[in-house]
Amino acid sequence: MSRFIEIVQGLLGRRPAYLQVGAICLRTRKGRREVLMISSLDTGRWIIPKGWPMKGRSLAGAALREAWEEAGVKGEVAHDTVGSYAYLKQQSGGLALRCEVNVYLVETDSLSEHYPEAGKRDRQWMAPEAAAESVAEEGLSGILRGL
């Protein structure tokens, strides 16, 4: 029986990650690049807009939509990913899902004050290095440091 448990645990450990998309929203101010960070809904820590792929949208298009819904960003999205990172998404029942986030750059044209999650999250522009230091995910930190 223990061999059966080892096999099942081994298979569960190899389960592929769930795919999400994320947006690094950028602007240039006084000749310097800045990244828009938003607070997470549950812990308030700094994150980038991210979510699930959407039917009828490319992955880049879904990332742009998440930037709008979570941060009020209007802009142009790059269609190639700038990288990816993994994190554990806590579910309401206590289970955690391993998610792989494909990240896309968004050149921000404007920020709206009226968007779906307005009032639920804080937004803050940061230098890429400060943004890298503010996130918990090592892979996202590396992407931000590379900007």
C-alpha atoms as a PDB file:
ATOM      1  CA  MET A   1       0.000   0.000   0.000  1.00  0.00           C
ATOM      2  CA  SER A   2       2.794   2.456   0.749  1.00  0.00           C
ATOM      3  CA  ARG A   3       4.161   2.071  -2.802  1.00  0.00           C
ATOM      4  CA  PHE A   4       0.734   3.101  -4.131  1.00  0.00           C
ATOM      5  CA  ILE A   5       0.789   6.232  -1.947  1.00  0.00           C
ATOM      6  CA  GLU A   6       4.290   7.100  -3.171  1.00  0.00           C
ATOM      7  CA  ILE A   7       3.156   6.801  -6.793  1.00  0.00           C
ATOM      8  CA  VAL A   8       0.063   8.968  -6.223  1.00  0.00           C
ATOM      9  CA  GLN A   9       2.065  11.606  -4.354  1.00  0.00           C
ATOM     10  CA  GLY A  10       4.640  11.607  -7.151  1.00  0.00           C
ATOM     11  CA  LEU A  11       1.946  12.138  -9.769  1.00  0.00           C
ATOM     12  CA  LEU A  12       0.324  14.918  -7.762  1.00  0.00           C
ATOM     13  CA  GLY A  13       3.684  16.645  -7.381  1.00  0.00           C
ATOM     14  CA  ARG A  14       4.041  16.701 -11.163  1.00  0.00           C
ATOM     15  CA  ARG A  15       0.709  18.351 -11.782  1.00  0.00           C
ATOM     16  CA  PRO A  16       1.157  21.219 -14.254  1.00  0.00           C
ATOM     17  CA  ALA A  17       0.702  24.770 -13.062  1.00  0.00           C
ATOM     18  CA  TYR A  18      -2.463  26.697 -13.804  1.00  0.00           C
ATOM     19  CA  LEU A  19      -1.858  29.394 -16.412  1.00  0.00           C
ATOM     20  CA  GLN A  20      -2.495  33.039 -15.599  1.00  0.00           C
ATOM     21  CA  VAL A  21      -1.564  36.283 -17.346  1.00  0.00           C
ATOM     22  CA  GLY A  22      -0.082  39.408 -15.797  1.00  0.00           C
ATOM     23  CA  ALA A  23       0.574  42.979 -16.887  1.00  0.00           C
ATOM     24  CA  ILE A  24       3.555  45.138 -16.028  1.00  0.00           C
ATOM     25  CA  CYS A  25       2.195  48.617 -16.672  1.00  0.00           C
ATOM     26  CA  LEU A  26       4.899  51.142 -17.535  1.00  0.00           C
ATOM     27  CA  ARG A  27       5.229  54.878 -18.011  1.00  0.00           C
ATOM     28  CA  THR A  28       8.131  57.295 -18.411  1.00  0.00           C
ATOM     29  CA  ARG A  29       8.340  60.345 -16.140  1.00  0.00           C
ATOM     30  CA  LYS A  30      11.260  62.780 -16.182  1.00  0.00           C
ATOM     31  CA  GLY A  31      13.207  60.341 -18.355  1.00  0.00           C
ATOM     32  CA  ARG A  32      12.779  57.414 -15.956  1.00  0.00           C
ATOM     33  CA  ARG A  33      10.689  54.268 -16.282  1.00  0.00           C
ATOM     34  CA  GLU A  34       8.070  53.573 -13.622  1.00  0.00           C
ATOM     35  CA  VAL A  35       5.961  50.487 -12.919  1.00  0.00           C
ATOM     36  CA  LEU A  36       2.382  50.653 -11.651  1.00  0.00           C
ATOM     37  CA  MET A  37       1.934  48.340  -8.667  1.00  0.00           C
ATOM     38  CA  ILE A  38      -1.419  47.501  -7.107  1.00  0.00           C
ATOM     39  CA  SER A  39      -2.342  46.066  -3.732  1.00  0.00           C
ATOM     40  CA  SER A  40      -3.724  42.545  -3.509  1.00  0.00           C
ATOM     41  CA  LEU A  41      -7.309  42.208  -2.324  1.00  0.00           C
ATOM     42  CA  ASP A  42      -6.568  39.819   0.525  1.00  0.00           C
ATOM     43  CA  THR A  43      -3.186  40.756   2.022  1.00  0.00           C
ATOM     44  CA  GLY A  44      -2.626  44.274   0.693  1.00  0.00           C
ATOM     45  CA  ARG A  45       0.870  43.379  -0.534  1.00  0.00           C
ATOM     46  CA  TRP A  46       2.151  44.829  -3.819  1.00  0.00           C
ATOM     47  CA  ILE A  47       1.454  42.828  -6.980  1.00  0.00           C
ATOM     48  CA  ILE A  48       0.900  43.387 -10.699  1.00  0.00           C
ATOM     49  CA  PRO A  49      -2.536  43.060 -12.324  1.00  0.00           C
ATOM     50  CA  LYS A  50      -3.083  39.401 -13.189  1.00  0.00           C
ATOM     51  CA  GLY A  51      -5.809  36.881 -13.822  1.00  0.00           C
ATOM     52  CA  TRP A  52      -7.029  33.976 -15.889  1.00  0.00           C
ATOM     53  CA  PRO A  53      -6.945  33.703 -19.694  1.00  0.00           C
ATOM     54  CA  MET A  54     -10.196  34.853 -21.305  1.00  0.00           C
ATOM     55  CA  LYS A  55     -12.185  33.193 -24.049  1.00  0.00           C
ATOM     56  CA  GLY A  56     -12.000  35.230 -27.249  1.00  0.00           C
ATOM     57  CA  ARG A  57      -8.859  37.138 -26.189  1.00  0.00           C
ATOM     58  CA  SER A  58      -5.190  36.452 -26.769  1.00  0.00           C
ATOM     59  CA  LEU A  59      -3.080  36.008 -23.635  1.00  0.00           C
ATOM     60  CA  ALA A  60      -1.704  39.515 -24.155  1.00  0.00           C
ATOM     61  CA  GLY A  61      -5.240  40.836 -24.631  1.00  0.00           C
ATOM     62  CA  ALA A  62      -6.349  39.175 -21.399  1.00  0.00           C
ATOM     63  CA  ALA A  63      -3.398  40.779 -19.568  1.00  0.00           C
ATOM     64  CA  LEU A  64      -4.438  44.190 -20.902  1.00  0.00           C
ATOM     65  CA  ARG A  65      -8.013  43.548 -19.742  1.00  0.00           C
ATOM     66  CA  GLU A  66      -6.745  42.647 -16.250  1.00  0.00           C
ATOM     67  CA  ALA A  67      -4.750  45.901 -16.201  1.00  0.00           C
ATOM     68  CA  TRP A  68      -7.989  47.775 -16.917  1.00  0.00           C
ATOM     69  CA  GLU A  69     -10.161  45.884 -14.427  1.00  0.00           C
ATOM     70  CA  GLU A  70      -7.688  45.924 -11.525  1.00  0.00           C
ATOM     71  CA  ALA A  71      -5.801  49.187 -12.086  1.00  0.00           C
ATOM     72  CA  GLY A  72      -7.766  51.358 -14.534  1.00  0.00           C
ATOM     73  CA  VAL A  73      -4.961  51.244 -17.096  1.00  0.00           C
ATOM     74  CA  LYS A  74      -5.558  52.153 -20.724  1.00  0.00           C
ATOM     75  CA  GLY A  75      -2.645  51.498 -23.047  1.00  0.00           C
ATOM     76  CA  GLU A  76      -0.896  49.285 -25.572  1.00  0.00           C
ATOM     77  CA  VAL A  77       0.158  45.732 -24.760  1.00  0.00           C
ATOM     78  CA  ALA A  78       3.187  43.964 -26.220  1.00  0.00           C
ATOM     79  CA  HIS A  79       2.140  40.676 -27.794  1.00  0.00           C
ATOM     80  CA  ASP A  80       5.232  38.753 -26.689  1.00  0.00           C
ATOM     81  CA  THR A  81       5.717  37.756 -23.079  1.00  0.00           C
ATOM     82  CA  VAL A  82       8.557  39.400 -21.179  1.00  0.00           C
ATOM     83  CA  GLY A  83       8.860  36.352 -18.916  1.00  0.00           C
ATOM     84  CA  SER A  84       6.942  34.239 -16.449  1.00  0.00           C
ATOM     85  CA  TYR A  85       6.933  33.443 -12.751  1.00  0.00           C
ATOM     86  CA  ALA A  86       5.239  30.970 -10.441  1.00  0.00           C
ATOM     87  CA  TYR A  87       3.319  31.521  -7.216  1.00  0.00           C
ATOM     88  CA  LEU A  88       0.836  29.732  -4.974  1.00  0.00           C
ATOM     89  CA  LYS A  89      -2.705  31.105  -5.197  1.00  0.00           C
ATOM     90  CA  GLN A  90      -4.606  30.524  -1.966  1.00  0.00           C
ATOM     91  CA  GLN A  91      -8.153  29.273  -2.461  1.00  0.00           C
ATOM     92  CA  SER A  92     -11.050  29.952  -0.108  1.00  0.00           C
ATOM     93  CA  GLY A  93     -11.092  26.317   1.074  1.00  0.00           C
ATOM     94  CA  GLY A  94      -7.457  26.540   2.163  1.00  0.00           C
ATOM     95  CA  LEU A  95      -5.991  24.738  -0.840  1.00  0.00           C
ATOM     96  CA  ALA A  96      -3.261  26.429  -2.852  1.00  0.00           C
ATOM     97  CA  LEU A  97      -2.981  26.262  -6.628  1.00  0.00           C
ATOM     98  CA  ARG A  98       0.426  26.525  -8.283  1.00  0.00           C
ATOM     99  CA  CYS A  99       0.041  29.180 -10.961  1.00  0.00           C
ATOM    100  CA  GLU A 100       2.429  30.095 -13.759  1.00  0.00           C
ATOM    101  CA  VAL A 101       1.966  33.730 -14.809  1.00  0.00           C
ATOM    102  CA  ASN A 102       2.938  34.816 -18.333  1.00  0.00           C
ATOM    103  CA  VAL A 103       3.831  38.509 -18.067  1.00  0.00           C
ATOM    104  CA  TYR A 104       3.226  41.153 -20.747  1.00  0.00           C
ATOM    105  CA  LEU A 105       4.392  44.776 -20.867  1.00  0.00           C
ATOM    106  CA  VAL A 106       1.758  47.477 -21.157  1.00  0.00           C
ATOM    107  CA  GLU A 107       2.711  51.005 -22.195  1.00  0.00           C
ATOM    108  CA  THR A 108       0.271  53.072 -20.160  1.00  0.00           C
ATOM    109  CA  ASP A 109      -1.502  55.878 -21.997  1.00  0.00           C
ATOM    110  CA  SER A 110      -3.788  56.910 -19.124  1.00  0.00           C
ATOM    111  CA  LEU A 111      -5.250  55.857 -15.779  1.00  0.00           C
ATOM    112  CA  SER A 112      -8.961  56.017 -15.139  1.00  0.00           C
ATOM    113  CA  GLU A 113     -10.467  56.829 -11.766  1.00  0.00           C
ATOM    114  CA  HIS A 114     -13.554  54.768 -12.672  1.00  0.00           C
ATOM    115  CA  TYR A 115     -12.822  51.083 -13.335  1.00  0.00           C
ATOM    116  CA  PRO A 116     -14.209  47.781 -12.024  1.00  0.00           C
ATOM    117  CA  GLU A 117     -11.980  47.462  -8.923  1.00  0.00           C
ATOM    118  CA  ALA A 118     -11.666  51.177  -8.110  1.00  0.00           C
ATOM    119  CA  GLY A 119     -11.695  51.692  -4.345  1.00  0.00           C
ATOM    120  CA  LYS A 120     -10.719  48.075  -3.668  1.00  0.00           C
ATOM    121  CA  ARG A 121      -7.000  48.392  -4.361  1.00  0.00           C
ATOM    122  CA  ASP A 122      -4.258  50.956  -3.885  1.00  0.00           C
ATOM    123  CA  ARG A 123      -2.125  51.942  -6.891  1.00  0.00           C
ATOM    124  CA  GLN A 124       1.402  53.292  -6.777  1.00  0.00           C
ATOM    125  CA  TRP A 125       4.008  54.125  -9.414  1.00  0.00           C
ATOM    126  CA  MET A 126       7.479  52.835  -8.479  1.00  0.00           C
ATOM    127  CA  ALA A 127      10.916  52.648 -10.000  1.00  0.00           C
ATOM    128  CA  PRO A 128      11.500  49.101 -11.329  1.00  0.00           C
ATOM    129  CA  GLU A 129      14.071  48.372  -8.598  1.00  0.00           C
ATOM    130  CA  ALA A 130      11.669  49.504  -5.849  1.00  0.00           C
ATOM    131  CA  ALA A 131       8.884  47.439  -7.426  1.00  0.00           C
ATOM    132  CA  ALA A 132      11.211  44.410  -7.516  1.00  0.00           C
ATOM    133  CA  GLU A 133      11.933  44.834  -3.810  1.00  0.00           C
ATOM    134  CA  SER A 134       8.239  45.204  -2.938  1.00  0.00           C
ATOM    135  CA  VAL A 135       6.981  41.882  -4.340  1.00  0.00           C
ATOM    136  CA  ALA A 136       7.051  38.492  -2.642  1.00  0.00           C
ATOM    137  CA  GLU A 137       7.528  36.391  -5.790  1.00  0.00           C
ATOM    138  CA  GLU A 138      11.194  35.897  -6.641  1.00  0.00           C
ATOM    139  CA  GLY A 139      10.478  35.300 -10.332  1.00  0.00           C
ATOM    140  CA  LEU A 140       8.452  38.512 -10.646  1.00  0.00           C
ATOM    141  CA  SER A 141      11.185  40.395  -8.808  1.00  0.00           C
ATOM    142  CA  GLY A 142      13.701  39.204 -11.400  1.00  0.00           C
ATOM    143  CA  ILE A 143      11.504  40.335 -14.286  1.00  0.00           C
ATOM    144  CA  LEU A 144      11.072  43.772 -12.703  1.00  0.00           C
ATOM    145  CA  ARG A 145      14.838  44.116 -12.103  1.00  0.00           C
ATOM    146  CA  GLY A 146      15.409  43.430 -15.794  1.00  0.00           C
ATOM    147  CA  LEU A 147      13.346  46.398 -16.979  1.00  0.00           C
END
